[in-house]
Amino acid sequence: MKRYLINEMKCYLALVPDASEEEISDLKEWVAAGSSPYANPCSPYANPWYIADERGTELPFIEARRVIFILAEEMD
């Protein structure tokens, strides 16, 4: 399973070429804990913040992480 998740993470990162080192580091921790970088509300692989888009579909890890930081900045 770990190998599958690592391969999934590599494919995901290819789709997010602008990911920062900090985002990649956080993603690696998330995947090392046994989670997928992709969102799927019907599985345990959802992002840790349960951030969803306007349709209610949970966002992939880095996109959700970015939303959290934007919301935090707006609250300051």
Protein backbone atom coordinates (compact mmCIF):
# COMPACT_ATOMS: atom_id res chain seq x y z
CA MET A 1 0.00 0.00 0.00
CA LYS A 2 2.81 2.45 0.84
CA ARG A 3 4.38 1.97 -2.58
CA TYR A 4 1.01 2.67 -4.20
CA LEU A 5 0.58 5.88 -2.19
CA ILE A 6 4.11 7.04 -3.00
CA ASN A 7 3.46 6.47 -6.71
CA GLU A 8 0.14 8.28 -6.38
CA MET A 9 1.95 11.19 -4.70
CA LYS A 10 4.49 11.39 -7.53
CA CYS A 11 1.70 11.51 -10.12
CA TYR A 12 -0.13 14.14 -8.09
CA LEU A 13 2.97 16.32 -7.75
CA ALA A 14 3.42 16.19 -11.54
CA LEU A 15 0.02 17.91 -11.72
CA VAL A 16 1.07 20.60 -9.21
CA PRO A 17 4.39 21.88 -10.59
CA ASP A 18 4.18 25.07 -8.52
CA ALA A 19 4.10 23.21 -5.18
CA SER A 20 6.45 24.77 -2.65
CA GLU A 21 9.01 22.78 -0.67
CA GLU A 22 6.89 23.29 2.46
CA GLU A 23 3.77 21.99 0.67
CA ILE A 24 5.68 18.97 -0.60
CA SER A 25 7.07 18.29 2.88
CA ASP A 26 3.58 18.42 4.41
CA LEU A 27 2.25 16.19 1.63
CA LYS A 28 5.01 13.63 2.26
CA GLU A 29 4.05 13.50 5.94
CA TRP A 30 0.37 13.03 4.99
CA VAL A 31 1.22 10.20 2.57
CA ALA A 32 3.67 8.58 5.04
CA ALA A 33 0.78 8.39 7.51
CA GLY A 34 -1.08 6.26 4.96
CA SER A 35 -3.23 8.90 3.26
CA SER A 36 -3.71 9.66 -0.41
CA PRO A 37 -2.93 13.10 -1.88
CA TYR A 38 -6.25 12.96 -3.73
CA ALA A 39 -9.60 13.73 -2.19
CA ASN A 40 -12.35 11.15 -2.04
CA PRO A 41 -15.18 11.85 0.39
CA CYS A 42 -16.20 8.17 0.40
CA SER A 43 -12.80 7.01 1.68
CA PRO A 44 -10.36 7.78 4.49
CA TYR A 45 -8.13 9.62 2.01
CA ALA A 46 -9.77 13.03 2.35
CA ASN A 47 -7.64 16.08 3.08
CA PRO A 48 -7.05 16.57 6.82
CA TRP A 49 -9.12 19.78 6.90
CA TYR A 50 -12.15 18.35 5.04
CA ILE A 51 -12.10 21.38 2.72
CA ALA A 52 -14.46 20.96 -0.23
CA ASP A 53 -15.25 22.84 -3.43
CA GLU A 54 -18.60 24.45 -4.26
CA ARG A 55 -20.00 21.04 -5.33
CA GLY A 56 -19.06 19.46 -2.00
CA THR A 57 -16.19 17.42 -3.43
CA GLU A 58 -13.18 17.41 -1.12
CA LEU A 59 -10.08 19.08 -2.51
CA PRO A 60 -6.73 17.36 -3.02
CA PHE A 61 -4.16 17.94 -0.27
CA ILE A 62 -2.14 20.90 -1.62
CA GLU A 63 -5.18 22.77 -2.92
CA ALA A 64 -6.92 22.36 0.45
CA ARG A 65 -3.76 23.44 2.28
CA ARG A 66 -3.64 26.61 0.18
CA VAL A 67 -7.26 27.40 1.01
CA ILE A 68 -6.48 27.07 4.74
CA PHE A 69 -3.64 29.59 4.43
CA ILE A 70 -5.80 32.02 2.42
CA LEU A 71 -8.56 31.81 5.02
CA ALA A 72 -6.05 32.36 7.84
CA GLU A 73 -4.68 35.47 6.11
CA GLU A 74 -8.20 36.84 5.59
CA MET A 75 -8.96 36.43 9.29
CA ASP A 76 -5.89 38.44 10.36
